[in-house]
């Protein structure tokens, strides 16, 4: 009964392939893999995988990170594109641009980035912002006097 249950997360080849960049290692260039990543060293370039990436306390990425899920204890400076969940531990430091499905942040994490949640409507926000810019503010005294002032033609 229970033996028919299959792991739907990733195929067998992706679950067993784990890549590790150890502390003290620095890589320059782009990395692409189908397996998980554990990064405790430094990568200067782009990291791309359809699996999970874990960045340890000493781990650092300067470039682009594209993956399914990420747990970050270290540093990322650049562009982060995560299809599901970005989890920032208390020691995490993020700088740059982030596009994610979900975000989990522990107290103490540093998150200095522009963030766009997948499924949000960025275009509608920009349109709304333009409309709000042109709309008079009722709390601004100068605008309020113009809005509430009777027209001179009506007085004549």
N, C-alpha and C. Protein backbone atom coordinates (compact mmCIF):
# COMPACT_ATOMS: atom_id res chain seq x y z
N UNK A 1 0.81 -1.17 0.00
CA UNK A 1 0.00 0.00 0.00
C UNK A 1 0.87 1.26 0.00
N UNK A 2 1.85 1.32 0.90
CA UNK A 2 2.69 2.50 0.97
C UNK A 2 3.86 2.43 -0.01
N UNK A 3 4.18 1.25 -0.50
CA UNK A 3 5.32 1.10 -1.40
C UNK A 3 5.05 1.67 -2.79
N UNK A 4 3.80 1.91 -3.14
CA UNK A 4 3.47 2.47 -4.44
C UNK A 4 3.72 3.98 -4.51
N UNK A 5 3.94 4.57 -3.35
CA UNK A 5 4.17 6.01 -3.29
C UNK A 5 5.51 6.35 -3.93
N UNK A 6 5.52 7.33 -4.82
CA UNK A 6 6.74 7.72 -5.50
C UNK A 6 7.09 9.16 -5.15
N UNK A 7 8.37 9.43 -5.11
CA UNK A 7 8.83 10.79 -4.85
C UNK A 7 8.65 11.61 -6.12
N UNK A 8 7.78 12.59 -6.09
CA UNK A 8 7.47 13.39 -7.27
C UNK A 8 8.34 14.63 -7.36
N UNK A 9 9.26 14.82 -6.40
CA UNK A 9 10.06 16.04 -6.35
C UNK A 9 11.00 16.15 -7.55
N UNK A 10 11.94 15.22 -7.71
CA UNK A 10 12.89 15.25 -8.81
C UNK A 10 13.19 13.82 -9.27
N UNK A 11 13.60 13.64 -10.51
CA UNK A 11 14.00 12.31 -10.96
C UNK A 11 15.19 11.80 -10.15
N UNK A 12 15.41 10.50 -10.16
CA UNK A 12 16.47 9.86 -9.38
C UNK A 12 17.84 10.46 -9.66
N UNK A 13 18.14 10.75 -10.91
CA UNK A 13 19.45 11.29 -11.25
C UNK A 13 19.69 12.66 -10.64
N UNK A 14 18.64 13.46 -10.51
CA UNK A 14 18.79 14.79 -9.93
C UNK A 14 18.85 14.73 -8.41
N UNK A 15 18.22 13.77 -7.78
CA UNK A 15 18.24 13.68 -6.32
C UNK A 15 19.61 13.25 -5.82
N UNK A 16 20.30 12.40 -6.57
CA UNK A 16 21.57 11.86 -6.08
C UNK A 16 22.76 12.72 -6.47
N UNK A 17 22.65 13.56 -7.47
CA UNK A 17 23.77 14.39 -7.91
C UNK A 17 23.86 15.62 -7.04
N UNK A 18 24.87 15.65 -6.18
CA UNK A 18 25.08 16.83 -5.35
C UNK A 18 26.44 17.39 -5.68
N UNK A 19 26.46 18.69 -5.93
CA UNK A 19 27.71 19.39 -6.22
C UNK A 19 28.09 20.20 -5.00
N UNK A 20 29.38 20.21 -4.69
CA UNK A 20 29.82 20.94 -3.51
C UNK A 20 31.04 21.80 -3.85
N UNK A 21 30.94 23.06 -3.48
CA UNK A 21 32.06 24.00 -3.60
C UNK A 21 32.51 24.28 -2.17
N UNK A 22 33.66 23.74 -1.80
CA UNK A 22 34.11 23.83 -0.41
C UNK A 22 34.70 25.19 -0.06
N UNK A 23 34.75 25.46 1.24
CA UNK A 23 35.33 26.70 1.76
C UNK A 23 36.78 26.81 1.29
N UNK A 24 37.16 28.00 0.88
CA UNK A 24 38.51 28.23 0.39
C UNK A 24 38.64 28.07 -1.12
N UNK A 25 37.58 27.60 -1.77
CA UNK A 25 37.58 27.43 -3.22
C UNK A 25 36.93 28.64 -3.87
N UNK A 26 37.56 29.16 -4.93
CA UNK A 26 37.00 30.26 -5.70
C UNK A 26 36.88 29.82 -7.15
N UNK A 27 35.68 29.92 -7.70
CA UNK A 27 35.44 29.59 -9.10
C UNK A 27 35.02 30.85 -9.84
N UNK A 28 35.57 31.04 -11.03
CA UNK A 28 35.18 32.16 -11.88
C UNK A 28 34.63 31.60 -13.17
N UNK A 29 33.37 31.94 -13.47
CA UNK A 29 32.74 31.44 -14.68
C UNK A 29 31.33 30.97 -14.40
N UNK A 30 30.69 30.44 -15.41
CA UNK A 30 29.30 29.99 -15.30
C UNK A 30 29.25 28.51 -14.98
N UNK A 31 28.31 28.14 -14.10
CA UNK A 31 28.13 26.75 -13.70
C UNK A 31 26.69 26.35 -13.96
N UNK A 32 26.51 25.19 -14.60
CA UNK A 32 25.19 24.67 -14.88
C UNK A 32 25.18 23.19 -14.53
N UNK A 33 24.13 22.74 -13.80
CA UNK A 33 24.05 21.35 -13.40
C UNK A 33 22.60 20.97 -13.18
N UNK A 34 22.30 19.68 -13.23
CA UNK A 34 20.96 19.20 -12.93
C UNK A 34 20.81 18.81 -11.47
N UNK A 35 21.89 18.80 -10.72
CA UNK A 35 21.85 18.36 -9.33
C UNK A 35 21.83 19.50 -8.34
N UNK A 36 21.74 19.12 -7.07
CA UNK A 36 21.77 20.07 -5.97
C UNK A 36 23.15 20.72 -5.86
N UNK A 37 23.19 21.91 -5.25
CA UNK A 37 24.46 22.57 -4.99
C UNK A 37 24.57 22.89 -3.50
N UNK A 38 25.75 22.69 -2.95
CA UNK A 38 26.10 23.18 -1.62
C UNK A 38 27.33 24.04 -1.84
N UNK A 39 27.20 25.34 -1.53
CA UNK A 39 28.29 26.28 -1.79
C UNK A 39 28.79 26.85 -0.47
N UNK A 40 30.06 26.52 -0.16
CA UNK A 40 30.71 27.08 1.01
C UNK A 40 31.90 27.94 0.60
N UNK A 41 32.23 27.93 -0.68
CA UNK A 41 33.30 28.75 -1.23
C UNK A 41 32.73 29.96 -1.94
N UNK A 42 33.47 30.49 -2.91
CA UNK A 42 33.07 31.68 -3.65
C UNK A 42 32.91 31.36 -5.13
N UNK A 43 31.81 31.83 -5.70
CA UNK A 43 31.59 31.70 -7.15
C UNK A 43 31.39 33.09 -7.72
N UNK A 44 32.22 33.43 -8.69
CA UNK A 44 32.09 34.69 -9.42
C UNK A 44 31.60 34.35 -10.81
N UNK A 45 30.29 34.40 -10.99
CA UNK A 45 29.70 34.02 -12.26
C UNK A 45 28.25 33.61 -12.05
N UNK A 46 27.74 32.82 -12.96
CA UNK A 46 26.33 32.44 -12.92
C UNK A 46 26.18 30.98 -12.53
N UNK A 47 25.20 30.72 -11.65
CA UNK A 47 24.90 29.35 -11.21
C UNK A 47 23.48 29.05 -11.65
N UNK A 48 23.30 27.94 -12.38
CA UNK A 48 21.97 27.59 -12.87
C UNK A 48 21.73 26.10 -12.64
N UNK A 49 20.60 25.79 -11.99
CA UNK A 49 20.20 24.41 -11.75
C UNK A 49 18.70 24.34 -11.55
N UNK A 50 18.05 23.25 -11.98
CA UNK A 50 16.62 23.10 -11.73
C UNK A 50 16.34 22.53 -10.34
N UNK A 51 17.37 22.39 -9.54
CA UNK A 51 17.24 21.80 -8.20
C UNK A 51 17.46 22.87 -7.12
N UNK A 52 17.79 22.42 -5.92
CA UNK A 52 17.98 23.29 -4.76
C UNK A 52 19.43 23.72 -4.62
N UNK A 53 19.64 24.94 -4.13
CA UNK A 53 20.97 25.46 -3.85
C UNK A 53 21.03 25.85 -2.38
N UNK A 54 22.07 25.39 -1.69
CA UNK A 54 22.30 25.77 -0.29
C UNK A 54 23.62 26.54 -0.25
N UNK A 55 23.55 27.75 0.30
CA UNK A 55 24.75 28.57 0.44
C UNK A 55 25.08 28.65 1.92
N UNK A 56 26.20 28.05 2.32
CA UNK A 56 26.61 28.03 3.72
C UNK A 56 27.07 29.39 4.21
N UNK A 57 27.43 29.46 5.50
CA UNK A 57 27.84 30.73 6.10
C UNK A 57 29.04 31.35 5.41
N UNK A 58 29.94 30.53 4.91
CA UNK A 58 31.13 31.06 4.23
C UNK A 58 30.94 31.13 2.72
N UNK A 59 29.78 30.73 2.23
CA UNK A 59 29.50 30.73 0.80
C UNK A 59 29.18 32.11 0.26
N UNK A 60 29.54 32.32 -1.01
CA UNK A 60 29.34 33.64 -1.62
C UNK A 60 29.16 33.47 -3.12
N UNK A 61 28.13 34.13 -3.67
CA UNK A 61 27.93 34.17 -5.12
C UNK A 61 27.92 35.63 -5.54
N UNK A 62 28.76 35.94 -6.52
CA UNK A 62 28.77 37.26 -7.14
C UNK A 62 28.38 37.02 -8.59
N UNK A 63 27.12 37.27 -8.92
CA UNK A 63 26.63 36.98 -10.25
C UNK A 63 25.16 36.64 -10.21
N UNK A 64 24.74 35.67 -11.02
CA UNK A 64 23.34 35.30 -11.13
C UNK A 64 23.11 33.91 -10.57
N UNK A 65 22.06 33.77 -9.76
CA UNK A 65 21.65 32.46 -9.25
C UNK A 65 20.26 32.16 -9.79
N UNK A 66 20.13 31.05 -10.51
CA UNK A 66 18.85 30.61 -11.05
C UNK A 66 18.63 29.17 -10.59
N UNK A 67 17.56 28.94 -9.80
CA UNK A 67 17.30 27.60 -9.29
C UNK A 67 15.84 27.46 -8.86
N UNK A 68 15.50 26.28 -8.34
CA UNK A 68 14.14 26.01 -7.89
C UNK A 68 13.92 26.54 -6.48
N UNK A 69 14.78 26.17 -5.54
CA UNK A 69 14.72 26.60 -4.14
C UNK A 69 16.13 26.97 -3.69
N UNK A 70 16.23 27.85 -2.70
CA UNK A 70 17.54 28.21 -2.16
C UNK A 70 17.44 28.49 -0.68
N UNK A 71 18.41 27.95 0.08
CA UNK A 71 18.59 28.27 1.49
C UNK A 71 19.91 29.02 1.59
N UNK A 72 19.86 30.24 2.12
CA UNK A 72 21.05 31.09 2.12
C UNK A 72 21.44 31.45 3.54
N UNK A 73 22.70 31.13 3.89
CA UNK A 73 23.30 31.58 5.14
C UNK A 73 24.43 32.56 4.85
N UNK A 74 24.95 32.53 3.63
CA UNK A 74 26.08 33.36 3.23
C UNK A 74 25.66 34.61 2.48
N UNK A 75 26.42 34.94 1.41
CA UNK A 75 26.21 36.20 0.69
C UNK A 75 25.90 35.95 -0.78
N UNK A 76 25.00 36.78 -1.31
CA UNK A 76 24.74 36.80 -2.75
C UNK A 76 24.70 38.26 -3.19
N UNK A 77 25.45 38.56 -4.23
CA UNK A 77 25.43 39.91 -4.80
C UNK A 77 25.18 39.76 -6.29
N UNK A 78 23.99 40.17 -6.73
CA UNK A 78 23.66 40.04 -8.14
C UNK A 78 22.19 39.79 -8.35
N UNK A 79 21.88 38.97 -9.34
CA UNK A 79 20.49 38.68 -9.70
C UNK A 79 20.13 37.29 -9.22
N UNK A 80 18.99 37.19 -8.55
CA UNK A 80 18.52 35.90 -8.03
C UNK A 80 17.16 35.62 -8.64
N UNK A 81 17.03 34.48 -9.33
CA UNK A 81 15.77 34.07 -9.94
C UNK A 81 15.44 32.67 -9.41
N UNK A 82 14.44 32.60 -8.52
CA UNK A 82 14.09 31.33 -7.88
C UNK A 82 12.63 31.03 -8.17
N UNK A 83 12.37 29.86 -8.74
CA UNK A 83 11.01 29.53 -9.15
C UNK A 83 10.10 29.24 -7.96
N UNK A 84 10.64 28.77 -6.84
CA UNK A 84 9.79 28.48 -5.69
C UNK A 84 10.17 29.33 -4.47
N UNK A 85 10.94 28.78 -3.52
CA UNK A 85 11.16 29.46 -2.24
C UNK A 85 12.60 29.87 -2.01
N UNK A 86 12.79 31.13 -1.61
CA UNK A 86 14.08 31.63 -1.14
C UNK A 86 13.98 31.74 0.37
N UNK A 87 14.85 31.03 1.07
CA UNK A 87 14.86 31.03 2.53
C UNK A 87 16.15 31.68 3.01
N UNK A 88 16.03 32.81 3.69
CA UNK A 88 17.19 33.54 4.18
C UNK A 88 17.36 33.30 5.68
N UNK A 89 18.49 32.74 6.05
CA UNK A 89 18.81 32.50 7.46
C UNK A 89 19.32 33.81 8.07
N UNK A 90 19.50 33.83 9.36
CA UNK A 90 19.84 35.06 10.07
C UNK A 90 21.19 35.65 9.65
N UNK A 91 22.09 34.84 9.10
CA UNK A 91 23.41 35.33 8.69
C UNK A 91 23.47 35.72 7.21
N UNK A 92 22.36 35.59 6.49
CA UNK A 92 22.34 35.85 5.04
C UNK A 92 22.49 37.34 4.73
N UNK A 93 23.17 37.62 3.62
CA UNK A 93 23.33 38.98 3.12
C UNK A 93 23.03 38.98 1.63
N UNK A 94 21.97 39.69 1.23
CA UNK A 94 21.54 39.72 -0.16
C UNK A 94 21.61 41.15 -0.68
N UNK A 95 22.20 41.31 -1.88
CA UNK A 95 22.26 42.60 -2.56
C UNK A 95 21.96 42.38 -4.02
N UNK A 96 21.04 43.16 -4.58
CA UNK A 96 20.78 43.05 -6.01
C UNK A 96 19.32 43.02 -6.36
N UNK A 97 18.97 42.16 -7.33
CA UNK A 97 17.60 42.03 -7.81
C UNK A 97 17.14 40.61 -7.57
N UNK A 98 15.90 40.47 -7.06
CA UNK A 98 15.37 39.16 -6.71
C UNK A 98 14.01 38.95 -7.35
N UNK A 99 13.83 37.81 -8.01
CA UNK A 99 12.54 37.39 -8.55
C UNK A 99 12.28 36.00 -7.98
N UNK A 100 11.20 35.87 -7.18
CA UNK A 100 10.97 34.62 -6.46
C UNK A 100 9.50 34.25 -6.44
N UNK A 101 9.24 33.02 -6.04
CA UNK A 101 7.87 32.57 -5.82
C UNK A 101 7.44 32.87 -4.40
N UNK A 102 8.28 32.50 -3.42
CA UNK A 102 8.00 32.74 -1.99
C UNK A 102 9.28 33.19 -1.31
N UNK A 103 9.12 33.93 -0.21
CA UNK A 103 10.27 34.44 0.52
C UNK A 103 10.09 34.18 2.01
N UNK A 104 11.12 33.59 2.63
CA UNK A 104 11.13 33.37 4.08
C UNK A 104 12.40 34.01 4.62
N UNK A 105 12.25 34.94 5.57
CA UNK A 105 13.39 35.68 6.10
C UNK A 105 13.43 35.55 7.61
N UNK A 106 14.57 35.10 8.14
CA UNK A 106 14.77 35.04 9.59
C UNK A 106 15.24 36.41 10.07
N UNK A 107 14.93 36.76 11.32
CA UNK A 107 15.42 38.03 11.87
C UNK A 107 16.95 38.05 11.85
N UNK A 108 17.51 39.18 11.45
CA UNK A 108 18.95 39.33 11.38
C UNK A 108 19.50 39.28 9.97
N UNK A 109 18.73 38.74 9.04
CA UNK A 109 19.18 38.65 7.65
C UNK A 109 19.21 40.05 7.04
N UNK A 110 20.17 40.27 6.14
CA UNK A 110 20.29 41.55 5.44
C UNK A 110 19.75 41.37 4.03
N UNK A 111 18.69 42.12 3.69
CA UNK A 111 18.04 41.99 2.39
C UNK A 111 17.96 43.37 1.75
N UNK A 112 18.99 43.74 0.99
CA UNK A 112 19.06 45.02 0.30
C UNK A 112 18.90 44.77 -1.19
N UNK A 113 17.65 44.57 -1.60
CA UNK A 113 17.41 44.19 -2.98
C UNK A 113 16.03 44.67 -3.44
N UNK A 114 15.89 44.77 -4.75
CA UNK A 114 14.55 44.96 -5.29
C UNK A 114 13.97 43.56 -5.45
N UNK A 115 12.72 43.41 -5.09
CA UNK A 115 12.12 42.08 -5.06
C UNK A 115 10.82 42.06 -5.84
N UNK A 116 10.66 41.07 -6.69
CA UNK A 116 9.43 40.89 -7.45
C UNK A 116 8.96 39.46 -7.20
N UNK A 117 7.74 39.34 -6.68
CA UNK A 117 7.16 38.03 -6.44
C UNK A 117 6.51 37.56 -7.73
N UNK A 118 6.76 36.32 -8.11
CA UNK A 118 6.13 35.77 -9.32
C UNK A 118 4.62 35.77 -9.14
N UNK A 119 3.92 36.12 -10.21
CA UNK A 119 2.47 36.18 -10.14
C UNK A 119 1.96 37.58 -9.82
N UNK A 120 2.86 38.48 -9.43
CA UNK A 120 2.42 39.86 -9.17
C UNK A 120 2.27 40.57 -10.51
N UNK A 121 1.54 41.65 -10.51
CA UNK A 121 1.28 42.37 -11.74
C UNK A 121 2.04 43.69 -11.73
N UNK A 122 3.30 43.60 -12.14
CA UNK A 122 4.16 44.77 -12.14
C UNK A 122 3.63 45.86 -13.05
N UNK A 123 3.07 45.46 -14.20
CA UNK A 123 2.56 46.45 -15.14
C UNK A 123 1.41 47.23 -14.53
N UNK A 124 0.50 46.55 -13.85
CA UNK A 124 -0.64 47.26 -13.27
C UNK A 124 -0.19 48.19 -12.16
N UNK A 125 0.87 47.83 -11.46
CA UNK A 125 1.39 48.71 -10.42
C UNK A 125 1.98 49.97 -11.03
N UNK A 126 2.69 49.83 -12.15
CA UNK A 126 3.28 51.00 -12.78
C UNK A 126 2.20 51.91 -13.36
N UNK A 127 1.13 51.33 -13.89
CA UNK A 127 0.02 52.14 -14.40
C UNK A 127 -0.65 52.87 -13.25
N UNK A 128 -0.88 52.18 -12.17
CA UNK A 128 -1.51 52.78 -11.00
C UNK A 128 -0.65 53.93 -10.47
N UNK A 129 0.66 53.71 -10.45
CA UNK A 129 1.56 54.74 -9.97
C UNK A 129 1.48 55.98 -10.86
N UNK A 130 1.41 55.82 -12.17
CA UNK A 130 1.28 56.95 -13.09
C UNK A 130 -0.03 57.69 -12.86
N UNK A 131 -1.11 56.95 -12.65
CA UNK A 131 -2.41 57.58 -12.42
C UNK A 131 -2.40 58.34 -11.09
N UNK A 132 -1.75 57.76 -10.08
CA UNK A 132 -1.69 58.44 -8.79
C UNK A 132 -0.83 59.69 -8.85
N UNK A 133 0.18 59.69 -9.71
CA UNK A 133 1.02 60.88 -9.85
C UNK A 133 0.22 62.05 -10.41
N UNK A 134 -0.68 61.78 -11.34
CA UNK A 134 -1.48 62.84 -11.97
C UNK A 134 -2.68 63.23 -11.13
N UNK A 135 -3.07 62.42 -10.18
CA UNK A 135 -4.23 62.70 -9.34
C UNK A 135 -3.85 63.72 -8.26
N UNK A 136 -4.67 64.75 -8.06
CA UNK A 136 -4.34 65.74 -7.03
C UNK A 136 -4.44 65.12 -5.63
N UNK A 137 -3.56 65.56 -4.77
CA UNK A 137 -3.54 65.07 -3.40
C UNK A 137 -4.42 65.98 -2.54
N UNK A 138 -5.49 65.46 -1.92
CA UNK A 138 -6.39 66.31 -1.14
C UNK A 138 -5.75 66.86 0.14
N UNK A 139 -4.58 66.30 0.53
CA UNK A 139 -3.92 66.76 1.74
C UNK A 139 -2.86 67.82 1.47
N UNK A 140 -2.61 68.12 0.22
CA UNK A 140 -1.67 69.16 -0.15
C UNK A 140 -2.42 70.49 -0.18
N UNK A 141 -2.00 71.47 0.63
CA UNK A 141 -2.73 72.74 0.75
C UNK A 141 -2.82 73.49 -0.57
N UNK A 142 -1.74 73.52 -1.33
CA UNK A 142 -1.77 74.25 -2.59
C UNK A 142 -2.76 73.61 -3.55
N UNK A 143 -2.72 72.28 -3.64
CA UNK A 143 -3.65 71.59 -4.53
C UNK A 143 -5.08 71.70 -4.01
N UNK A 144 -5.26 71.65 -2.71
CA UNK A 144 -6.60 71.73 -2.13
C UNK A 144 -7.23 73.08 -2.43
N UNK A 145 -6.45 74.15 -2.37
CA UNK A 145 -7.00 75.47 -2.65
C UNK A 145 -7.38 75.60 -4.12
N UNK A 146 -6.62 74.95 -4.99
CA UNK A 146 -6.94 74.99 -6.42
C UNK A 146 -8.20 74.17 -6.69
N UNK A 147 -8.31 73.01 -6.06
CA UNK A 147 -9.45 72.12 -6.27
C UNK A 147 -10.74 72.76 -5.73
N UNK A 148 -10.66 73.35 -4.53
CA UNK A 148 -11.85 73.88 -3.87
C UNK A 148 -12.17 75.33 -4.27
N UNK A 149 -11.27 76.00 -4.98
CA UNK A 149 -11.49 77.38 -5.37
C UNK A 149 -12.52 77.45 -6.48
N UNK A 150 -13.54 78.26 -6.31
CA UNK A 150 -14.53 78.40 -7.39
C UNK A 150 -13.86 79.06 -8.58
N UNK A 151 -14.28 78.68 -9.74
CA UNK A 151 -13.67 79.25 -10.95
C UNK A 151 -14.08 80.74 -11.07
N UNK A 152 -13.19 81.50 -11.66
CA UNK A 152 -13.46 82.93 -11.79
C UNK A 152 -14.59 83.19 -12.75
N UNK A 153 -14.81 82.28 -13.71
CA UNK A 153 -15.90 82.48 -14.64
C UNK A 153 -17.26 82.34 -13.94
N UNK A 154 -17.32 81.46 -12.94
CA UNK A 154 -18.58 81.27 -12.22
C UNK A 154 -18.90 82.49 -11.40
N UNK A 155 -17.86 83.22 -10.91
CA UNK A 155 -18.07 84.40 -10.11
C UNK A 155 -18.52 85.57 -10.97
N UNK A 156 -18.15 85.63 -12.25
CA UNK A 156 -18.46 86.78 -13.09
C UNK A 156 -19.89 86.80 -13.52
